C-alpha atoms as a PDB file:
ATOM      1  CA  UNK A   1      -2.135  20.902   6.682  1.00  0.00           C
ATOM      2  CA  UNK A   2      -2.761  18.123   9.829  1.00  0.00           C
ATOM      3  CA  UNK A   3      -3.296  14.553   8.965  1.00  0.00           C
ATOM      4  CA  UNK A   4      -4.991  12.775  11.364  1.00  0.00           C
ATOM      5  CA  UNK A   5      -7.273   9.272  11.638  1.00  0.00           C
ATOM      6  CA  UNK A   6     -10.530   9.448  11.294  1.00  0.00           C
ATOM      7  CA  UNK A   7     -13.254   7.307  11.882  1.00  0.00           C
ATOM      8  CA  UNK A   8     -15.243   7.543   8.810  1.00  0.00           C
ATOM      9  CA  UNK A   9     -18.515   9.386  10.322  1.00  0.00           C
ATOM     10  CA  UNK A  10     -18.259  12.819   8.998  1.00  0.00           C
ATOM     11  CA  UNK A  11     -20.487  13.981   6.330  1.00  0.00           C
ATOM     12  CA  UNK A  12     -17.369  15.724   4.666  1.00  0.00           C
ATOM     13  CA  UNK A  13     -15.595  12.421   4.346  1.00  0.00           C
ATOM     14  CA  UNK A  14     -18.682  10.456   3.388  1.00  0.00           C
ATOM     15  CA  UNK A  15     -18.951  13.593   0.108  1.00  0.00           C
ATOM     16  CA  UNK A  16     -15.353  12.965  -0.635  1.00  0.00           C
ATOM     17  CA  UNK A  17     -15.784   9.208  -0.546  1.00  0.00           C
ATOM     18  CA  UNK A  18     -18.996   9.587  -2.767  1.00  0.00           C
ATOM     19  CA  UNK A  19     -16.515  11.681  -5.228  1.00  0.00           C
ATOM     20  CA  UNK A  20     -13.907   9.253  -5.161  1.00  0.00           C
ATOM     21  CA  UNK A  21     -16.749   6.316  -6.083  1.00  0.00           C
ATOM     22  CA  UNK A  22     -18.461   8.189  -8.780  1.00  0.00           C
ATOM     23  CA  UNK A  23     -14.633   9.030 -10.520  1.00  0.00           C
ATOM     24  CA  UNK A  24     -14.254   5.376 -10.559  1.00  0.00           C
ATOM     25  CA  UNK A  25     -17.756   4.740 -12.056  1.00  0.00           C
ATOM     26  CA  UNK A  26     -16.584   7.270 -14.900  1.00  0.00           C
ATOM     27  CA  UNK A  27     -13.504   5.835 -15.775  1.00  0.00           C
ATOM     28  CA  UNK A  28     -13.565   2.156 -14.884  1.00  0.00           C
ATOM     29  CA  UNK A  29     -16.078  -0.617 -15.490  1.00  0.00           C
ATOM     30  CA  UNK A  30     -18.106  -2.587 -12.796  1.00  0.00           C
ATOM     31  CA  UNK A  31     -15.530  -5.146 -12.713  1.00  0.00           C
ATOM     32  CA  UNK A  32     -12.317  -3.058 -12.586  1.00  0.00           C
ATOM     33  CA  UNK A  33     -13.459  -0.733  -9.367  1.00  0.00           C
ATOM     34  CA  UNK A  34     -11.769  -1.628  -6.561  1.00  0.00           C
ATOM     35  CA  UNK A  35     -12.309   1.382  -4.449  1.00  0.00           C
ATOM     36  CA  UNK A  36     -13.898   0.662  -1.109  1.00  0.00           C
ATOM     37  CA  UNK A  37     -16.868   2.409   0.104  1.00  0.00           C
ATOM     38  CA  UNK A  38     -17.534   3.456   3.733  1.00  0.00           C
ATOM     39  CA  UNK A  39     -18.389   0.557   5.452  1.00  0.00           C
ATOM     40  CA  UNK A  40     -15.328  -1.374   3.633  1.00  0.00           C
ATOM     41  CA  UNK A  41     -13.108   1.011   5.046  1.00  0.00           C
ATOM     42  CA  UNK A  42     -14.506   0.337   8.651  1.00  0.00           C
ATOM     43  CA  UNK A  43     -12.952  -3.047   8.291  1.00  0.00           C
ATOM     44  CA  UNK A  44     -10.657  -4.502  10.737  1.00  0.00           C
ATOM     45  CA  UNK A  45      -6.936  -3.990   9.393  1.00  0.00           C
ATOM     46  CA  UNK A  46      -7.679  -0.790   7.707  1.00  0.00           C
ATOM     47  CA  UNK A  47      -6.249   2.478   8.955  1.00  0.00           C
ATOM     48  CA  UNK A  48      -7.752   5.628   7.757  1.00  0.00           C
ATOM     49  CA  UNK A  49      -6.588   9.154   7.719  1.00  0.00           C
ATOM     50  CA  UNK A  50      -7.739  12.569   6.614  1.00  0.00           C
ATOM     51  CA  UNK A  51      -5.858  15.966   5.945  1.00  0.00           C
ATOM     52  CA  UNK A  52      -7.239  18.809   7.020  1.00  0.00           C
ATOM     53  CA  UNK A  53      -6.335  22.774   6.766  1.00  0.00           C
ATOM     54  CA  UNK A  54      -8.454  24.256   9.757  1.00  0.00           C
ATOM     55  CA  UNK A  55     -12.144  22.836   8.976  1.00  0.00           C
ATOM     56  CA  UNK A  56     -11.525  21.983   5.418  1.00  0.00           C
ATOM     57  CA  UNK A  57     -11.060  18.843   4.322  1.00  0.00           C
ATOM     58  CA  UNK A  58      -8.293  18.500   1.797  1.00  0.00           C
ATOM     59  CA  UNK A  59      -8.022  14.630   0.821  1.00  0.00           C
ATOM     60  CA  UNK A  60      -7.972  10.876   2.148  1.00  0.00           C
ATOM     61  CA  UNK A  61      -5.761   7.671   2.393  1.00  0.00           C
ATOM     62  CA  UNK A  62      -6.040   4.618   3.720  1.00  0.00           C
ATOM     63  CA  UNK A  63      -3.741   1.395   4.780  1.00  0.00           C
ATOM     64  CA  UNK A  64      -4.859  -2.031   4.449  1.00  0.00           C
ATOM     65  CA  UNK A  65      -3.193  -4.972   6.345  1.00  0.00           C
ATOM     66  CA  UNK A  66      -2.360  -7.851   3.682  1.00  0.00           C
ATOM     67  CA  UNK A  67      -0.315  -9.684   6.315  1.00  0.00           C
ATOM     68  CA  UNK A  68       2.098  -9.076   8.618  1.00  0.00           C
ATOM     69  CA  UNK A  69       4.588  -7.939   6.273  1.00  0.00           C
ATOM     70  CA  UNK A  70       2.672  -6.671   3.481  1.00  0.00           C
ATOM     71  CA  UNK A  71       0.402  -3.484   3.189  1.00  0.00           C
ATOM     72  CA  UNK A  72      -1.756  -2.134   0.483  1.00  0.00           C
ATOM     73  CA  UNK A  73      -2.703   1.689  -0.307  1.00  0.00           C
ATOM     74  CA  UNK A  74      -6.541   2.159  -0.682  1.00  0.00           C
ATOM     75  CA  UNK A  75      -8.395   5.003  -1.329  1.00  0.00           C
ATOM     76  CA  UNK A  76      -6.405   8.165  -2.051  1.00  0.00           C
ATOM     77  CA  UNK A  77      -8.221  10.843  -3.218  1.00  0.00           C
ATOM     78  CA  UNK A  78      -7.510  14.675  -2.738  1.00  0.00           C
ATOM     79  CA  UNK A  79     -10.578  17.145  -2.650  1.00  0.00           C
ATOM     80  CA  UNK A  80     -11.049  18.637  -6.079  1.00  0.00           C
ATOM     81  CA  UNK A  81     -10.350  22.151  -5.149  1.00  0.00           C
ATOM     82  CA  UNK A  82      -7.115  21.061  -3.699  1.00  0.00           C
ATOM     83  CA  UNK A  83      -5.480  19.274  -6.745  1.00  0.00           C
ATOM     84  CA  UNK A  84      -1.798  19.862  -7.480  1.00  0.00           C
ATOM     85  CA  UNK A  85      -1.400  21.378  -3.651  1.00  0.00           C
ATOM     86  CA  UNK A  86       1.045  18.648  -2.716  1.00  0.00           C
ATOM     87  CA  UNK A  87      -2.198  16.851  -0.644  1.00  0.00           C
ATOM     88  CA  UNK A  88      -1.268  13.297  -2.041  1.00  0.00           C
ATOM     89  CA  UNK A  89       2.388  13.639  -1.691  1.00  0.00           C
ATOM     90  CA  UNK A  90       1.948  14.754   2.130  1.00  0.00           C
ATOM     91  CA  UNK A  91      -1.005  11.406   2.708  1.00  0.00           C
ATOM     92  CA  UNK A  92       1.353   9.033   1.160  1.00  0.00           C
ATOM     93  CA  UNK A  93       4.799  10.301   3.169  1.00  0.00           C
ATOM     94  CA  UNK A  94       2.070   9.878   6.026  1.00  0.00           C
ATOM     95  CA  UNK A  95       0.841   6.373   5.226  1.00  0.00           C
ATOM     96  CA  UNK A  96       4.483   4.985   4.119  1.00  0.00           C
ATOM     97  CA  UNK A  97       6.261   6.592   7.282  1.00  0.00           C
ATOM     98  CA  UNK A  98       2.866   4.747   9.275  1.00  0.00           C
ATOM     99  CA  UNK A  99       3.644   1.555   7.322  1.00  0.00           C
ATOM    100  CA  UNK A 100       7.232   1.623   8.432  1.00  0.00           C
ATOM    101  CA  UNK A 101       6.298   2.102  11.706  1.00  0.00           C
ATOM    102  CA  UNK A 102       4.242  -0.986  11.870  1.00  0.00           C
ATOM    103  CA  UNK A 103       6.803  -3.116  10.724  1.00  0.00           C
ATOM    104  CA  UNK A 104       5.565  -3.743   6.862  1.00  0.00           C
ATOM    105  CA  UNK A 105       8.331  -4.702   4.499  1.00  0.00           C
ATOM    106  CA  UNK A 106       6.240  -3.779   1.454  1.00  0.00           C
ATOM    107  CA  UNK A 107       3.155  -1.479   0.240  1.00  0.00           C
ATOM    108  CA  UNK A 108       1.584  -2.490  -2.871  1.00  0.00           C
ATOM    109  CA  UNK A 109      -1.364  -0.692  -4.517  1.00  0.00           C
ATOM    110  CA  UNK A 110      -3.676  -0.741  -7.415  1.00  0.00           C
ATOM    111  CA  UNK A 111      -4.605   1.652  -9.656  1.00  0.00           C
ATOM    112  CA  UNK A 112      -6.342   2.416 -13.210  1.00  0.00           C
ATOM    113  CA  UNK A 113      -4.662   2.047 -16.334  1.00  0.00           C
ATOM    114  CA  UNK A 114      -6.444   4.621 -17.983  1.00  0.00           C
ATOM    115  CA  UNK A 115      -5.504   8.136 -19.128  1.00  0.00           C
ATOM    116  CA  UNK A 116      -7.359   9.883 -15.970  1.00  0.00           C
ATOM    117  CA  UNK A 117      -5.234   7.780 -13.577  1.00  0.00           C
ATOM    118  CA  UNK A 118      -1.688   8.927 -15.133  1.00  0.00           C
ATOM    119  CA  UNK A 119      -1.099  11.959 -12.207  1.00  0.00           C
ATOM    120  CA  UNK A 120      -1.795   9.190  -9.640  1.00  0.00           C
ATOM    121  CA  UNK A 121       1.002   6.466 -11.618  1.00  0.00           C
ATOM    122  CA  UNK A 122       3.258   9.558 -11.613  1.00  0.00           C
ATOM    123  CA  UNK A 123       2.859  10.283  -8.039  1.00  0.00           C
ATOM    124  CA  UNK A 124       3.654   6.650  -6.961  1.00  0.00           C
ATOM    125  CA  UNK A 125       6.944   6.430  -9.357  1.00  0.00           C
ATOM    126  CA  UNK A 126       7.891   9.479  -8.074  1.00  0.00           C
ATOM    127  CA  UNK A 127       7.617   7.576  -4.533  1.00  0.00           C
ATOM    128  CA  UNK A 128       9.261   4.651  -5.453  1.00  0.00           C
ATOM    129  CA  UNK A 129       6.714   2.663  -6.631  1.00  0.00           C
ATOM    130  CA  UNK A 130       7.498  -0.303  -9.408  1.00  0.00           C
ATOM    131  CA  UNK A 131       5.351  -1.972 -11.431  1.00  0.00           C
ATOM    132  CA  UNK A 132       4.092  -5.464 -10.614  1.00  0.00           C
ATOM    133  CA  UNK A 133       1.861  -8.607 -10.904  1.00  0.00           C
ATOM    134  CA  UNK A 134      -1.139  -8.637  -9.350  1.00  0.00           C
ATOM    135  CA  UNK A 135      -1.064  -9.158  -5.486  1.00  0.00           C
ATOM    136  CA  UNK A 136      -3.421 -10.524  -2.775  1.00  0.00           C
ATOM    137  CA  UNK A 137      -6.953 -11.076  -4.454  1.00  0.00           C
ATOM    138  CA  UNK A 138      -6.567  -9.247  -7.401  1.00  0.00           C
ATOM    139  CA  UNK A 139      -6.105 -10.510 -11.011  1.00  0.00           C
ATOM    140  CA  UNK A 140      -4.896  -9.458 -14.502  1.00  0.00           C
ATOM    141  CA  UNK A 141      -6.886  -6.705 -15.754  1.00  0.00           C
ATOM    142  CA  UNK A 142      -6.223  -4.316 -18.363  1.00  0.00           C
ATOM    143  CA  UNK A 143      -8.140  -1.663 -16.747  1.00  0.00           C
ATOM    144  CA  UNK A 144      -5.797  -1.918 -13.559  1.00  0.00           C
ATOM    145  CA  UNK A 145      -2.261  -1.379 -12.472  1.00  0.00           C
ATOM    146  CA  UNK A 146      -0.272  -2.623  -9.933  1.00  0.00           C
ATOM    147  CA  UNK A 147       2.466  -1.211  -8.186  1.00  0.00           C
ATOM    148  CA  UNK A 148       4.598  -1.790  -5.164  1.00  0.00           C
ATOM    149  CA  UNK A 149       7.460  -0.583  -3.342  1.00  0.00           C
ATOM    150  CA  UNK A 150       9.779  -2.153  -0.406  1.00  0.00           C
ATOM    151  CA  UNK A 151       9.910  -0.296   3.096  1.00  0.00           C
ATOM    152  CA  UNK A 152      12.687   0.109   5.162  1.00  0.00           C
ATOM    153  CA  UNK A 153      12.080  -1.646   8.660  1.00  0.00           C
END
């Protein structure tokens, strides 16, 4: 598996992100959807990575700068046919290492509170993320869960 930065111009990543947004629409009401589309992910302060095996896209994830010391994990998605193969864990490891190299002291995330998001919450728990109050521009929402972890710097 190779993880590399992506410029969000390929058809494969557009399709994977469309699948991500569709999944959010199935499980979360509009006011509780915080996933970014292609244009949102192309904004300054966001770095985006894809995991590849040969020419096959396995998954993706992004790091958004909240401030000089705090980053947010965004758009973690594994292609359906590659679920339960360690793609998300490898991407998460990579993003945490990148955040540490960039000098972030904290990495936070928002994910769904509904049952379909339980595997994601379990992954984040295994990686040392703890539940926390909303951060940044987020507000309390019964459909959202907020998690954070301190990074090594």
